[in-house]
Amino acid sequence: MLVPDSKVVRGLLTRYASLQIALAERETPERVRELEDVSYTLCIMMGTRSVFDAISAADALLVAEAGVVGAQESDGESGLPVPA
């Protein structure tokens, strides 16, 4: 199974949240359409049928990736990053 690029996923989540806020302030047809596009893209990228499932899957992906990155950067004992 292909794993989506975390930077792209993070960008889509940010755009989704920004559009939700913008729509709450003032709904326009352009914003509604863009939110639909972002929602659809998130669903396709995360392999889900609902945007809420896509957001959950995206969050899980980012959390899992952060755990892997954190484990690679720690010294193995204290869990603190090793100075470069």
PDB file of N, CA and C in Angstrom:
ATOM      1  N   MET A   1       0.829  -1.169   0.000  1.00  0.00           N
ATOM      2  CA  MET A   1       0.000   0.000   0.000  1.00  0.00           C
ATOM      3  C   MET A   1       0.885   1.249   0.000  1.00  0.00           C
ATOM      4  N   LEU A   2       0.507   2.234  -0.782  1.00  0.00           N
ATOM      5  CA  LEU A   2       1.257   3.483  -0.828  1.00  0.00           C
ATOM      6  C   LEU A   2       0.930   4.333   0.390  1.00  0.00           C
ATOM      7  N   VAL A   3       1.943   4.972   0.920  1.00  0.00           N
ATOM      8  CA  VAL A   3       1.758   5.860   2.068  1.00  0.00           C
ATOM      9  C   VAL A   3       1.884   7.294   1.562  1.00  0.00           C
ATOM     10  N   PRO A   4       0.883   8.120   1.834  1.00  0.00           N
ATOM     11  CA  PRO A   4       0.927   9.510   1.369  1.00  0.00           C
ATOM     12  C   PRO A   4       2.083  10.285   1.999  1.00  0.00           C
ATOM     13  N   ASP A   5       2.574  11.263   1.268  1.00  0.00           N
ATOM     14  CA  ASP A   5       3.621  12.152   1.767  1.00  0.00           C
ATOM     15  C   ASP A   5       3.060  12.979   2.920  1.00  0.00           C
ATOM     16  N   SER A   6       3.720  12.953   4.047  1.00  0.00           N
ATOM     17  CA  SER A   6       3.209  13.644   5.230  1.00  0.00           C
ATOM     18  C   SER A   6       3.126  15.157   5.038  1.00  0.00           C
ATOM     19  N   LYS A   7       4.020  15.727   4.251  1.00  0.00           N
ATOM     20  CA  LYS A   7       3.954  17.169   4.003  1.00  0.00           C
ATOM     21  C   LYS A   7       2.693  17.533   3.228  1.00  0.00           C
ATOM     22  N   VAL A   8       2.328  16.701   2.259  1.00  0.00           N
ATOM     23  CA  VAL A   8       1.114  16.943   1.480  1.00  0.00           C
ATOM     24  C   VAL A   8      -0.111  16.776   2.372  1.00  0.00           C
ATOM     25  N   VAL A   9      -0.113  15.734   3.189  1.00  0.00           N
ATOM     26  CA  VAL A   9      -1.237  15.490   4.103  1.00  0.00           C
ATOM     27  C   VAL A   9      -1.390  16.655   5.078  1.00  0.00           C
ATOM     28  N   ARG A  10      -0.279  17.090   5.636  1.00  0.00           N
ATOM     29  CA  ARG A  10      -0.320  18.212   6.585  1.00  0.00           C
ATOM     30  C   ARG A  10      -0.859  19.471   5.899  1.00  0.00           C
ATOM     31  N   GLY A  11      -0.443  19.705   4.672  1.00  0.00           N
ATOM     32  CA  GLY A  11      -0.940  20.855   3.923  1.00  0.00           C
ATOM     33  C   GLY A  11      -2.438  20.781   3.658  1.00  0.00           C
ATOM     34  N   LEU A  12      -2.918  19.590   3.314  1.00  0.00           N
ATOM     35  CA  LEU A  12      -4.351  19.416   3.081  1.00  0.00           C
ATOM     36  C   LEU A  12      -5.156  19.616   4.357  1.00  0.00           C
ATOM     37  N   LEU A  13      -4.656  19.093   5.475  1.00  0.00           N
ATOM     38  CA  LEU A  13      -5.348  19.293   6.751  1.00  0.00           C
ATOM     39  C   LEU A  13      -5.397  20.775   7.128  1.00  0.00           C
ATOM     40  N   THR A  14      -4.302  21.468   6.894  1.00  0.00           N
ATOM     41  CA  THR A  14      -4.260  22.897   7.180  1.00  0.00           C
ATOM     42  C   THR A  14      -5.240  23.650   6.298  1.00  0.00           C
ATOM     43  N   ARG A  15      -5.266  23.305   5.021  1.00  0.00           N
ATOM     44  CA  ARG A  15      -6.176  23.965   4.087  1.00  0.00           C
ATOM     45  C   ARG A  15      -7.633  23.678   4.451  1.00  0.00           C
ATOM     46  N   TYR A  16      -7.916  22.435   4.830  1.00  0.00           N
ATOM     47  CA  TYR A  16      -9.270  22.052   5.242  1.00  0.00           C
ATOM     48  C   TYR A  16      -9.713  22.896   6.434  1.00  0.00           C
ATOM     49  N   ALA A  17      -8.864  23.003   7.448  1.00  0.00           N
ATOM     50  CA  ALA A  17      -9.200  23.770   8.649  1.00  0.00           C
ATOM     51  C   ALA A  17      -9.383  25.249   8.317  1.00  0.00           C
ATOM     52  N   SER A  18      -8.513  25.791   7.482  1.00  0.00           N
ATOM     53  CA  SER A  18      -8.622  27.200   7.091  1.00  0.00           C
ATOM     54  C   SER A  18      -9.927  27.468   6.348  1.00  0.00           C
ATOM     55  N   LEU A  19     -10.297  26.559   5.471  1.00  0.00           N
ATOM     56  CA  LEU A  19     -11.539  26.729   4.728  1.00  0.00           C
ATOM     57  C   LEU A  19     -12.765  26.611   5.634  1.00  0.00           C
ATOM     58  N   GLN A  20     -12.710  25.723   6.606  1.00  0.00           N
ATOM     59  CA  GLN A  20     -13.813  25.615   7.564  1.00  0.00           C
ATOM     60  C   GLN A  20     -14.005  26.936   8.308  1.00  0.00           C
ATOM     61  N   ILE A  21     -12.907  27.539   8.714  1.00  0.00           N
ATOM     62  CA  ILE A  21     -12.972  28.818   9.420  1.00  0.00           C
ATOM     63  C   ILE A  21     -13.498  29.904   8.491  1.00  0.00           C
ATOM     64  N   ALA A  22     -12.982  29.948   7.267  1.00  0.00           N
ATOM     65  CA  ALA A  22     -13.411  30.950   6.294  1.00  0.00           C
ATOM     66  C   ALA A  22     -14.902  30.818   5.988  1.00  0.00           C
ATOM     67  N   LEU A  23     -15.388  29.593   5.886  1.00  0.00           N
ATOM     68  CA  LEU A  23     -16.811  29.380   5.624  1.00  0.00           C
ATOM     69  C   LEU A  23     -17.675  29.800   6.803  1.00  0.00           C
ATOM     70  N   ALA A  24     -17.162  29.619   8.001  1.00  0.00           N
ATOM     71  CA  ALA A  24     -17.918  30.049   9.180  1.00  0.00           C
ATOM     72  C   ALA A  24     -18.036  31.571   9.216  1.00  0.00           C
ATOM     73  N   GLU A  25     -17.005  32.247   8.715  1.00  0.00           N
ATOM     74  CA  GLU A  25     -17.027  33.707   8.687  1.00  0.00           C
ATOM     75  C   GLU A  25     -17.916  34.237   7.573  1.00  0.00           C
ATOM     76  N   ARG A  26     -17.767  33.638   6.377  1.00  0.00           N
ATOM     77  CA  ARG A  26     -18.550  34.092   5.226  1.00  0.00           C
ATOM     78  C   ARG A  26     -18.541  33.002   4.166  1.00  0.00           C
ATOM     79  N   GLU A  27     -19.707  32.480   3.880  1.00  0.00           N
ATOM     80  CA  GLU A  27     -19.813  31.402   2.887  1.00  0.00           C
ATOM     81  C   GLU A  27     -19.914  31.988   1.481  1.00  0.00           C
ATOM     82  N   THR A  28     -19.034  31.483   0.609  1.00  0.00           N
ATOM     83  CA  THR A  28     -19.090  31.853  -0.803  1.00  0.00           C
ATOM     84  C   THR A  28     -19.072  30.564  -1.623  1.00  0.00           C
ATOM     85  N   PRO A  29     -19.602  30.600  -2.831  1.00  0.00           N
ATOM     86  CA  PRO A  29     -19.569  29.392  -3.672  1.00  0.00           C
ATOM     87  C   PRO A  29     -18.147  28.899  -3.941  1.00  0.00           C
ATOM     88  N   GLU A  30     -17.208  29.814  -4.054  1.00  0.00           N
ATOM     89  CA  GLU A  30     -15.815  29.421  -4.313  1.00  0.00           C
ATOM     90  C   GLU A  30     -15.232  28.656  -3.130  1.00  0.00           C
ATOM     91  N   ARG A  31     -15.503  29.145  -1.932  1.00  0.00           N
ATOM     92  CA  ARG A  31     -14.989  28.472  -0.732  1.00  0.00           C
ATOM     93  C   ARG A  31     -15.640  27.110  -0.546  1.00  0.00           C
ATOM     94  N   VAL A  32     -16.924  27.031  -0.810  1.00  0.00           N
ATOM     95  CA  VAL A  32     -17.624  25.748  -0.694  1.00  0.00           C
ATOM     96  C   VAL A  32     -17.009  24.743  -1.667  1.00  0.00           C
ATOM     97  N   ARG A  33     -16.786  25.178  -2.894  1.00  0.00           N
ATOM     98  CA  ARG A  33     -16.207  24.288  -3.907  1.00  0.00           C
ATOM     99  C   ARG A  33     -14.796  23.861  -3.520  1.00  0.00           C
ATOM    100  N   GLU A  34     -14.004  24.793  -3.034  1.00  0.00           N
ATOM    101  CA  GLU A  34     -12.639  24.456  -2.638  1.00  0.00           C
ATOM    102  C   GLU A  34     -12.632  23.475  -1.466  1.00  0.00           C
ATOM    103  N   LEU A  35     -13.536  23.667  -0.512  1.00  0.00           N
ATOM    104  CA  LEU A  35     -13.631  22.733   0.612  1.00  0.00           C
ATOM    105  C   LEU A  35     -14.025  21.344   0.115  1.00  0.00           C
ATOM    106  N   GLU A  36     -14.948  21.286  -0.832  1.00  0.00           N
ATOM    107  CA  GLU A  36     -15.329  19.998  -1.422  1.00  0.00           C
ATOM    108  C   GLU A  36     -14.133  19.338  -2.096  1.00  0.00           C
ATOM    109  N   ASP A  37     -13.341  20.124  -2.816  1.00  0.00           N
ATOM    110  CA  ASP A  37     -12.155  19.591  -3.496  1.00  0.00           C
ATOM    111  C   ASP A  37     -11.120  19.066  -2.500  1.00  0.00           C
ATOM    112  N   VAL A  38     -10.862  19.839  -1.458  1.00  0.00           N
ATOM    113  CA  VAL A  38      -9.887  19.419  -0.440  1.00  0.00           C
ATOM    114  C   VAL A  38     -10.391  18.170   0.279  1.00  0.00           C
ATOM    115  N   SER A  39     -11.669  18.136   0.599  1.00  0.00           N
ATOM    116  CA  SER A  39     -12.255  16.973   1.279  1.00  0.00           C
ATOM    117  C   SER A  39     -12.123  15.723   0.410  1.00  0.00           C
ATOM    118  N   TYR A  40     -12.446  15.870  -0.867  1.00  0.00           N
ATOM    119  CA  TYR A  40     -12.343  14.748  -1.805  1.00  0.00           C
ATOM    120  C   TYR A  40     -10.894  14.256  -1.899  1.00  0.00           C
ATOM    121  N   THR A  41      -9.972  15.188  -2.015  1.00  0.00           N
ATOM    122  CA  THR A  41      -8.559  14.819  -2.122  1.00  0.00           C
ATOM    123  C   THR A  41      -8.086  14.094  -0.867  1.00  0.00           C
ATOM    124  N   LEU A  42      -8.480  14.583   0.306  1.00  0.00           N
ATOM    125  CA  LEU A  42      -8.127  13.899   1.556  1.00  0.00           C
ATOM    126  C   LEU A  42      -8.673  12.471   1.576  1.00  0.00           C
ATOM    127  N   CYS A  43      -9.928  12.311   1.151  1.00  0.00           N
ATOM    128  CA  CYS A  43     -10.539  10.973   1.134  1.00  0.00           C
ATOM    129  C   CYS A  43      -9.787  10.034   0.207  1.00  0.00           C
ATOM    130  N   ILE A  44      -9.466  10.506  -0.987  1.00  0.00           N
ATOM    131  CA  ILE A  44      -8.740   9.670  -1.944  1.00  0.00           C
ATOM    132  C   ILE A  44      -7.358   9.333  -1.410  1.00  0.00           C
ATOM    133  N   MET A  45      -6.662  10.328  -0.911  1.00  0.00           N
ATOM    134  CA  MET A  45      -5.294  10.125  -0.437  1.00  0.00           C
ATOM    135  C   MET A  45      -5.234   9.157   0.742  1.00  0.00           C
ATOM    136  N   MET A  46      -6.251   9.234   1.624  1.00  0.00           N
ATOM    137  CA  MET A  46      -6.230   8.397   2.819  1.00  0.00           C
ATOM    138  C   MET A  46      -7.013   7.099   2.639  1.00  0.00           C
ATOM    139  N   GLY A  47      -7.657   6.921   1.475  1.00  0.00           N
ATOM    140  CA  GLY A  47      -8.377   5.675   1.204  1.00  0.00           C
ATOM    141  C   GLY A  47      -9.646   5.519   2.012  1.00  0.00           C
ATOM    142  N   THR A  48     -10.364   6.627   2.206  1.00  0.00           N
ATOM    143  CA  THR A  48     -11.602   6.590   2.993  1.00  0.00           C
ATOM    144  C   THR A  48     -12.757   7.139   2.162  1.00  0.00           C
ATOM    145  N   ARG A  49     -13.969   6.995   2.702  1.00  0.00           N
ATOM    146  CA  ARG A  49     -15.153   7.499   2.006  1.00  0.00           C
ATOM    147  C   ARG A  49     -15.736   8.744   2.651  1.00  0.00           C
ATOM    148  N   SER A  50     -15.355   9.020   3.879  1.00  0.00           N
ATOM    149  CA  SER A  50     -15.860  10.228   4.537  1.00  0.00           C
ATOM    150  C   SER A  50     -14.677  11.103   4.945  1.00  0.00           C
ATOM    151  N   VAL A  51     -14.915  12.401   4.927  1.00  0.00           N
ATOM    152  CA  VAL A  51     -13.847  13.330   5.275  1.00  0.00           C
ATOM    153  C   VAL A  51     -13.442  13.170   6.741  1.00  0.00           C
ATOM    154  N   PHE A  52     -14.378  12.818   7.598  1.00  0.00           N
ATOM    155  CA  PHE A  52     -14.049  12.630   9.013  1.00  0.00           C
ATOM    156  C   PHE A  52     -13.122  11.424   9.198  1.00  0.00           C
ATOM    157  N   ASP A  53     -13.379  10.351   8.455  1.00  0.00           N
ATOM    158  CA  ASP A  53     -12.476   9.193   8.485  1.00  0.00           C
ATOM    159  C   ASP A  53     -11.112   9.555   7.904  1.00  0.00           C
ATOM    160  N   ALA A  54     -11.117  10.377   6.852  1.00  0.00           N
ATOM    161  CA  ALA A  54      -9.863  10.802   6.225  1.00  0.00           C
ATOM    162  C   ALA A  54      -9.028  11.636   7.186  1.00  0.00           C
ATOM    163  N   ILE A  55      -9.677  12.524   7.911  1.00  0.00           N
ATOM    164  CA  ILE A  55      -8.965  13.352   8.886  1.00  0.00           C
ATOM    165  C   ILE A  55      -8.383  12.486  10.000  1.00  0.00           C
ATOM    166  N   SER A  56      -9.148  11.520  10.469  1.00  0.00           N
ATOM    167  CA  SER A  56      -8.653  10.604  11.512  1.00  0.00           C
ATOM    168  C   SER A  56      -7.458   9.810  11.011  1.00  0.00           C
ATOM    169  N   ALA A  57      -7.566   9.304   9.778  1.00  0.00           N
ATOM    170  CA  ALA A  57      -6.463   8.531   9.201  1.00  0.00           C
ATOM    171  C   ALA A  57      -5.237   9.408   8.995  1.00  0.00           C
ATOM    172  N   ALA A  58      -5.450  10.638   8.554  1.00  0.00           N
ATOM    173  CA  ALA A  58      -4.330  11.561   8.348  1.00  0.00           C
ATOM    174  C   ALA A  58      -3.652  11.890   9.672  1.00  0.00           C
ATOM    175  N   ASP A  59      -4.444  12.141  10.694  1.00  0.00           N
ATOM    176  CA  ASP A  59      -3.879  12.405  12.024  1.00  0.00           C
ATOM    177  C   ASP A  59      -3.066  11.214  12.517  1.00  0.00           C
ATOM    178  N   ALA A  60      -3.597  10.016  12.338  1.00  0.00           N
ATOM    179  CA  ALA A  60      -2.887   8.808  12.764  1.00  0.00           C
ATOM    180  C   ALA A  60      -1.574   8.653  12.005  1.00  0.00           C
ATOM    181  N   LEU A  61      -1.602   8.935  10.709  1.00  0.00           N
ATOM    182  CA  LEU A  61      -0.383   8.857   9.901  1.00  0.00           C
ATOM    183  C   LEU A  61       0.671   9.824  10.417  1.00  0.00           C
ATOM    184  N   LEU A  62       0.266  11.055  10.683  1.00  0.00           N
ATOM    185  CA  LEU A  62       1.215  12.060  11.157  1.00  0.00           C
ATOM    186  C   LEU A  62       1.753  11.733  12.544  1.00  0.00           C
ATOM    187  N   VAL A  63       0.890  11.215  13.413  1.00  0.00           N
ATOM    188  CA  VAL A  63       1.339  10.823  14.758  1.00  0.00           C
ATOM    189  C   VAL A  63       2.327   9.656  14.669  1.00  0.00           C
ATOM    190  N   ALA A  64       2.003   8.672  13.829  1.00  0.00           N
ATOM    191  CA  ALA A  64       2.897   7.518  13.666  1.00  0.00           C
ATOM    192  C   ALA A  64       4.237   7.955  13.100  1.00  0.00           C
ATOM    193  N   GLU A  65       4.197   8.832  12.128  1.00  0.00           N
ATOM    194  CA  GLU A  65       5.444   9.308  11.542  1.00  0.00           C
ATOM    195  C   GLU A  65       6.260  10.108  12.545  1.00  0.00           C
ATOM    196  N   ALA A  66       5.599  10.912  13.361  1.00  0.00           N
ATOM    197  CA  ALA A  66       6.303  11.681  14.384  1.00  0.00           C
ATOM    198  C   ALA A  66       6.972  10.747  15.384  1.00  0.00           C
ATOM    199  N   GLY A  67       6.321   9.632  15.704  1.00  0.00           N
ATOM    200  CA  GLY A  67       6.907   8.650  16.612  1.00  0.00           C
ATOM    201  C   GLY A  67       8.134   8.003  16.020  1.00  0.00           C
ATOM    202  N   VAL A  68       8.108   7.717  14.739  1.00  0.00           N
ATOM    203  CA  VAL A  68       9.252   7.112  14.058  1.00  0.00           C
ATOM    204  C   VAL A  68      10.402   8.098  13.999  1.00  0.00           C
ATOM    205  N   VAL A  69      10.117   9.344  13.648  1.00  0.00           N
ATOM    206  CA  VAL A  69      11.156  10.365  13.581  1.00  0.00           C
ATOM    207  C   VAL A  69      11.735  10.599  14.964  1.00  0.00           C
ATOM    208  N   GLY A  70      10.872  10.681  15.979  1.00  0.00           N
ATOM    209  CA  GLY A  70      11.346  10.885  17.338  1.00  0.00           C
ATOM    210  C   GLY A  70      12.221   9.745  17.825  1.00  0.00           C
ATOM    211  N   ALA A  71      11.864   8.520  17.448  1.00  0.00           N
ATOM    212  CA  ALA A  71      12.659   7.353  17.859  1.00  0.00           C
ATOM    213  C   ALA A  71      14.020   7.364  17.179  1.00  0.00           C
ATOM    214  N   GLN A  72      14.073   7.814  15.948  1.00  0.00           N
ATOM    215  CA  GLN A  72      15.346   7.853  15.228  1.00  0.00           C
ATOM    216  C   GLN A  72      16.265   8.928  15.777  1.00  0.00           C
ATOM    217  N   GLU A  73      15.707   9.992  16.306  1.00  0.00           N
ATOM    218  CA  GLU A  73      16.512  11.104  16.780  1.00  0.00           C
ATOM    219  C   GLU A  73      16.870  11.005  18.263  1.00  0.00           C
ATOM    220  N   SER A  74      16.323  10.032  18.981  1.00  0.00           N
ATOM    221  CA  SER A  74      16.609   9.959  20.408  1.00  0.00           C
ATOM    222  C   SER A  74      17.845   9.117  20.660  1.00  0.00           C
ATOM    223  N   ASP A  75      18.378   9.252  21.850  1.00  0.00           N
ATOM    224  CA  ASP A  75      19.575   8.498  22.204  1.00  0.00           C
ATOM    225  C   ASP A  75      19.243   7.098  22.705  1.00  0.00           C
ATOM    226  N   GLY A  76      17.947   6.788  22.786  1.00  0.00           N
ATOM    227  CA  GLY A  76      17.545   5.450  23.181  1.00  0.00           C
ATOM    228  C   GLY A  76      17.358   5.263  24.666  1.00  0.00           C
ATOM    229  N   GLU A  77      17.874   6.128  25.472  1.00  0.00           N
ATOM    230  CA  GLU A  77      17.749   5.969  26.912  1.00  0.00           C
ATOM    231  C   GLU A  77      16.764   6.964  27.512  1.00  0.00           C
ATOM    232  N   SER A  78      17.037   8.238  27.325  1.00  0.00           N
ATOM    233  CA  SER A  78      16.191   9.252  27.940  1.00  0.00           C
ATOM    234  C   SER A  78      15.049   9.669  27.028  1.00  0.00           C
ATOM    235  N   GLY A  79      15.142   9.337  25.743  1.00  0.00           N
ATOM    236  CA  GLY A  79      14.138   9.766  24.786  1.00  0.00           C
ATOM    237  C   GLY A  79      14.369  11.195  24.313  1.00  0.00           C
ATOM    238  N   LEU A  80      15.440  11.831  24.811  1.00  0.00           N
ATOM    239  CA  LEU A  80      15.739  13.191  24.402  1.00  0.00           C
ATOM    240  C   LEU A  80      16.558  13.175  23.112  1.00  0.00           C
ATOM    241  N   PRO A  81      16.415  14.206  22.313  1.00  0.00           N
ATOM    242  CA  PRO A  81      17.180  14.262  21.065  1.00  0.00           C
ATOM    243  C   PRO A  81      18.676  14.314  21.345  1.00  0.00           C
ATOM    244  N   VAL A  82      19.428  13.704  20.462  1.00  0.00           N
ATOM    245  CA  VAL A  82      20.873  13.739  20.558  1.00  0.00           C
ATOM    246  C   VAL A  82      21.353  15.013  19.868  1.00  0.00           C
ATOM    247  N   PRO A  83      22.154  15.832  20.535  1.00  0.00           N
ATOM    248  CA  PRO A  83      22.634  17.063  19.906  1.00  0.00           C
ATOM    249  C   PRO A  83      23.458  16.748  18.665  1.00  0.00           C
ATOM    250  N   ALA A  84      23.289  17.589  17.647  1.00  0.00           N
ATOM    251  CA  ALA A  84      24.027  17.374  16.395  1.00  0.00           C
ATOM    252  C   ALA A  84      25.391  17.990  16.449  1.00  0.00           C
TER     253      ALA A  84
END
